[in-house]
């Protein structure tokens, strides 16, 4: 094999190796982010006790679609995978006054925390989860 051909083959091999390594290292960073957000929180009664099994529903105001959930034994709920936009949050449980809050703005890659205390509510924070 002529010397020039061997040199070209060596350069081509190194170029392929470097390209492969860069692709392996940088490709995961190029994966798209999830284009959804979530609403989560805690439901408690007027004494501060958690309310397990409360029905929690997020209603997307522009499309009128609903996403239901129930609070767990610790009184927490999580409504993940919500498309961005304005929502209405509805919470009901036997023995508690029903609660409705709107608008709650869901943003891409963020969590809106809405805690419900016996018919009253407040936003605690908004954090990114990406």
C-alpha atoms as a PDB file:
ATOM      1  CA  UNK A   1       0.000   0.000   0.000  1.00  0.00           C
ATOM      2  CA  UNK A   2       1.463   3.397  -0.919  1.00  0.00           C
ATOM      3  CA  UNK A   3       2.532   5.631   1.917  1.00  0.00           C
ATOM      4  CA  UNK A   4      -0.039   8.357   1.052  1.00  0.00           C
ATOM      5  CA  UNK A   5      -2.902   5.839   1.108  1.00  0.00           C
ATOM      6  CA  UNK A   6      -1.836   4.568   4.544  1.00  0.00           C
ATOM      7  CA  UNK A   7      -1.692   8.140   5.847  1.00  0.00           C
ATOM      8  CA  UNK A   8      -5.170   8.925   4.472  1.00  0.00           C
ATOM      9  CA  UNK A   9      -6.543   5.726   6.027  1.00  0.00           C
ATOM     10  CA  UNK A  10      -5.001   6.638   9.403  1.00  0.00           C
ATOM     11  CA  UNK A  11      -6.479  10.162   9.300  1.00  0.00           C
ATOM     12  CA  UNK A  12      -9.887   8.802   8.274  1.00  0.00           C
ATOM     13  CA  UNK A  13      -9.825   6.247  11.123  1.00  0.00           C
ATOM     14  CA  UNK A  14      -8.987   8.900  13.701  1.00  0.00           C
ATOM     15  CA  UNK A  15     -11.657  11.238  12.329  1.00  0.00           C
ATOM     16  CA  UNK A  16     -14.279   8.491  12.620  1.00  0.00           C
ATOM     17  CA  UNK A  17     -13.169   7.652  16.149  1.00  0.00           C
ATOM     18  CA  UNK A  18     -13.319  11.282  17.297  1.00  0.00           C
ATOM     19  CA  UNK A  19     -16.704  11.806  15.614  1.00  0.00           C
ATOM     20  CA  UNK A  20     -18.087   8.675  17.268  1.00  0.00           C
ATOM     21  CA  UNK A  21     -16.854   9.691  20.707  1.00  0.00           C
ATOM     22  CA  UNK A  22     -18.252  13.214  20.379  1.00  0.00           C
ATOM     23  CA  UNK A  23     -21.605  11.834  19.259  1.00  0.00           C
ATOM     24  CA  UNK A  24     -21.740   9.435  22.216  1.00  0.00           C
ATOM     25  CA  UNK A  25     -20.892  12.200  24.692  1.00  0.00           C
ATOM     26  CA  UNK A  26     -23.006  15.028  23.266  1.00  0.00           C
ATOM     27  CA  UNK A  27     -26.090  13.188  21.945  1.00  0.00           C
ATOM     28  CA  UNK A  28     -27.824  12.730  25.342  1.00  0.00           C
ATOM     29  CA  UNK A  29     -27.699  16.494  25.879  1.00  0.00           C
ATOM     30  CA  UNK A  30     -29.529  17.025  22.603  1.00  0.00           C
ATOM     31  CA  UNK A  31     -32.535  14.876  23.534  1.00  0.00           C
ATOM     32  CA  UNK A  32     -35.657  17.014  23.691  1.00  0.00           C
ATOM     33  CA  UNK A  33     -37.052  18.117  27.026  1.00  0.00           C
ATOM     34  CA  UNK A  34     -40.488  16.997  28.106  1.00  0.00           C
ATOM     35  CA  UNK A  35     -42.961  19.646  26.965  1.00  0.00           C
ATOM     36  CA  UNK A  36     -45.238  19.160  29.957  1.00  0.00           C
ATOM     37  CA  UNK A  37     -45.620  20.345  33.529  1.00  0.00           C
ATOM     38  CA  UNK A  38     -47.398  19.231  36.701  1.00  0.00           C
ATOM     39  CA  UNK A  39     -49.580  20.370  39.584  1.00  0.00           C
ATOM     40  CA  UNK A  40     -48.987  18.826  42.998  1.00  0.00           C
ATOM     41  CA  UNK A  41     -49.811  19.543  46.587  1.00  0.00           C
ATOM     42  CA  UNK A  42     -51.232  18.551  49.951  1.00  0.00           C
ATOM     43  CA  UNK A  43     -54.867  18.449  51.089  1.00  0.00           C
ATOM     44  CA  UNK A  44     -55.585  19.017  54.805  1.00  0.00           C
ATOM     45  CA  UNK A  45     -58.703  19.713  56.830  1.00  0.00           C
ATOM     46  CA  UNK A  46     -59.325  22.654  59.171  1.00  0.00           C
ATOM     47  CA  UNK A  47     -57.488  20.891  62.016  1.00  0.00           C
ATOM     48  CA  UNK A  48     -54.413  20.365  59.836  1.00  0.00           C
ATOM     49  CA  UNK A  49     -54.973  16.613  59.448  1.00  0.00           C
ATOM     50  CA  UNK A  50     -54.207  15.185  56.016  1.00  0.00           C
ATOM     51  CA  UNK A  51     -57.104  14.055  53.836  1.00  0.00           C
ATOM     52  CA  UNK A  52     -56.413  10.713  52.165  1.00  0.00           C
ATOM     53  CA  UNK A  53     -58.551   9.681  49.194  1.00  0.00           C
ATOM     54  CA  UNK A  54     -59.710  13.182  48.231  1.00  0.00           C
ATOM     55  CA  UNK A  55     -60.704  13.522  44.574  1.00  0.00           C
ATOM     56  CA  UNK A  56     -58.480  16.015  42.761  1.00  0.00           C
ATOM     57  CA  UNK A  57     -59.125  17.056  39.162  1.00  0.00           C
ATOM     58  CA  UNK A  58     -57.211  19.412  36.876  1.00  0.00           C
ATOM     59  CA  UNK A  59     -59.366  20.874  34.106  1.00  0.00           C
ATOM     60  CA  UNK A  60     -57.512  22.357  31.124  1.00  0.00           C
ATOM     61  CA  UNK A  61     -59.460  25.564  30.501  1.00  0.00           C
ATOM     62  CA  UNK A  62     -58.750  25.951  26.779  1.00  0.00           C
ATOM     63  CA  UNK A  63     -59.622  22.374  25.749  1.00  0.00           C
ATOM     64  CA  UNK A  64     -61.903  21.423  28.670  1.00  0.00           C
ATOM     65  CA  UNK A  65     -60.013  18.156  29.221  1.00  0.00           C
ATOM     66  CA  UNK A  66     -59.732  16.661  32.692  1.00  0.00           C
ATOM     67  CA  UNK A  67     -56.943  14.843  34.534  1.00  0.00           C
ATOM     68  CA  UNK A  68     -58.124  13.077  37.706  1.00  0.00           C
ATOM     69  CA  UNK A  69     -56.134  11.929  40.735  1.00  0.00           C
ATOM     70  CA  UNK A  70     -56.653  10.986  44.385  1.00  0.00           C
ATOM     71  CA  UNK A  71     -54.641  12.018  47.397  1.00  0.00           C
ATOM     72  CA  UNK A  72     -52.475   9.274  48.901  1.00  0.00           C
ATOM     73  CA  UNK A  73     -52.448   8.229  52.570  1.00  0.00           C
ATOM     74  CA  UNK A  74     -50.248  11.248  53.331  1.00  0.00           C
ATOM     75  CA  UNK A  75     -52.799  13.625  51.743  1.00  0.00           C
ATOM     76  CA  UNK A  76     -50.551  14.383  48.757  1.00  0.00           C
ATOM     77  CA  UNK A  77     -51.600  14.475  45.125  1.00  0.00           C
ATOM     78  CA  UNK A  78     -49.636  14.693  41.893  1.00  0.00           C
ATOM     79  CA  UNK A  79     -51.000  15.533  38.457  1.00  0.00           C
ATOM     80  CA  UNK A  80     -48.047  14.937  36.106  1.00  0.00           C
ATOM     81  CA  UNK A  81     -47.799  15.141  32.323  1.00  0.00           C
ATOM     82  CA  UNK A  82     -50.051  18.209  31.933  1.00  0.00           C
ATOM     83  CA  UNK A  83     -49.807  20.176  28.712  1.00  0.00           C
ATOM     84  CA  UNK A  84     -48.911  23.841  29.209  1.00  0.00           C
ATOM     85  CA  UNK A  85     -51.763  26.287  29.692  1.00  0.00           C
ATOM     86  CA  UNK A  86     -54.342  27.473  32.215  1.00  0.00           C
ATOM     87  CA  UNK A  87     -56.040  24.928  34.502  1.00  0.00           C
ATOM     88  CA  UNK A  88     -58.770  24.846  37.117  1.00  0.00           C
ATOM     89  CA  UNK A  89     -58.107  22.657  40.165  1.00  0.00           C
ATOM     90  CA  UNK A  90     -61.108  20.976  41.807  1.00  0.00           C
ATOM     91  CA  UNK A  91     -60.820  19.114  45.130  1.00  0.00           C
ATOM     92  CA  UNK A  92     -63.590  17.263  46.958  1.00  0.00           C
ATOM     93  CA  UNK A  93     -63.801  14.810  49.828  1.00  0.00           C
ATOM     94  CA  UNK A  94     -66.607  13.605  52.089  1.00  0.00           C
ATOM     95  CA  UNK A  95     -67.047  15.966  55.025  1.00  0.00           C
ATOM     96  CA  UNK A  96     -65.004  18.776  53.442  1.00  0.00           C
ATOM     97  CA  UNK A  97     -66.131  21.835  51.573  1.00  0.00           C
ATOM     98  CA  UNK A  98     -65.399  21.481  47.846  1.00  0.00           C
ATOM     99  CA  UNK A  99     -62.574  23.607  46.581  1.00  0.00           C
ATOM    100  CA  UNK A 100     -61.988  25.208  43.178  1.00  0.00           C
ATOM    101  CA  UNK A 101     -59.042  27.374  42.106  1.00  0.00           C
ATOM    102  CA  UNK A 102     -58.444  28.953  38.693  1.00  0.00           C
ATOM    103  CA  UNK A 103     -56.445  29.869  36.783  1.00  0.00           C
ATOM    104  CA  UNK A 104     -53.363  27.846  37.608  1.00  0.00           C
ATOM    105  CA  UNK A 105     -50.772  28.277  34.878  1.00  0.00           C
ATOM    106  CA  UNK A 106     -48.905  25.091  33.970  1.00  0.00           C
ATOM    107  CA  UNK A 107     -45.549  25.776  32.322  1.00  0.00           C
ATOM    108  CA  UNK A 108     -43.154  23.493  30.481  1.00  0.00           C
ATOM    109  CA  UNK A 109     -40.757  21.733  32.853  1.00  0.00           C
ATOM    110  CA  UNK A 110     -42.233  23.243  36.014  1.00  0.00           C
ATOM    111  CA  UNK A 111     -44.243  22.053  39.003  1.00  0.00           C
ATOM    112  CA  UNK A 112     -46.973  24.280  40.428  1.00  0.00           C
ATOM    113  CA  UNK A 113     -47.565  23.418  44.091  1.00  0.00           C
ATOM    114  CA  UNK A 114     -51.104  24.115  45.286  1.00  0.00           C
ATOM    115  CA  UNK A 115     -51.846  23.135  48.889  1.00  0.00           C
ATOM    116  CA  UNK A 116     -55.486  22.993  49.947  1.00  0.00           C
ATOM    117  CA  UNK A 117     -56.431  23.687  53.569  1.00  0.00           C
ATOM    118  CA  UNK A 118     -60.114  23.139  54.344  1.00  0.00           C
ATOM    119  CA  UNK A 119     -61.434  25.215  51.463  1.00  0.00           C
ATOM    120  CA  UNK A 120     -58.547  27.694  51.422  1.00  0.00           C
ATOM    121  CA  UNK A 121     -55.444  27.455  49.279  1.00  0.00           C
ATOM    122  CA  UNK A 122     -52.121  29.053  48.466  1.00  0.00           C
ATOM    123  CA  UNK A 123     -49.287  28.584  46.057  1.00  0.00           C
ATOM    124  CA  UNK A 124     -46.167  27.475  47.898  1.00  0.00           C
ATOM    125  CA  UNK A 125     -43.698  27.548  45.050  1.00  0.00           C
ATOM    126  CA  UNK A 126     -42.996  26.841  41.439  1.00  0.00           C
ATOM    127  CA  UNK A 127     -39.946  24.689  40.714  1.00  0.00           C
ATOM    128  CA  UNK A 128     -38.304  23.324  37.626  1.00  0.00           C
ATOM    129  CA  UNK A 129     -37.938  19.568  37.269  1.00  0.00           C
ATOM    130  CA  UNK A 130     -35.960  19.403  34.018  1.00  0.00           C
END
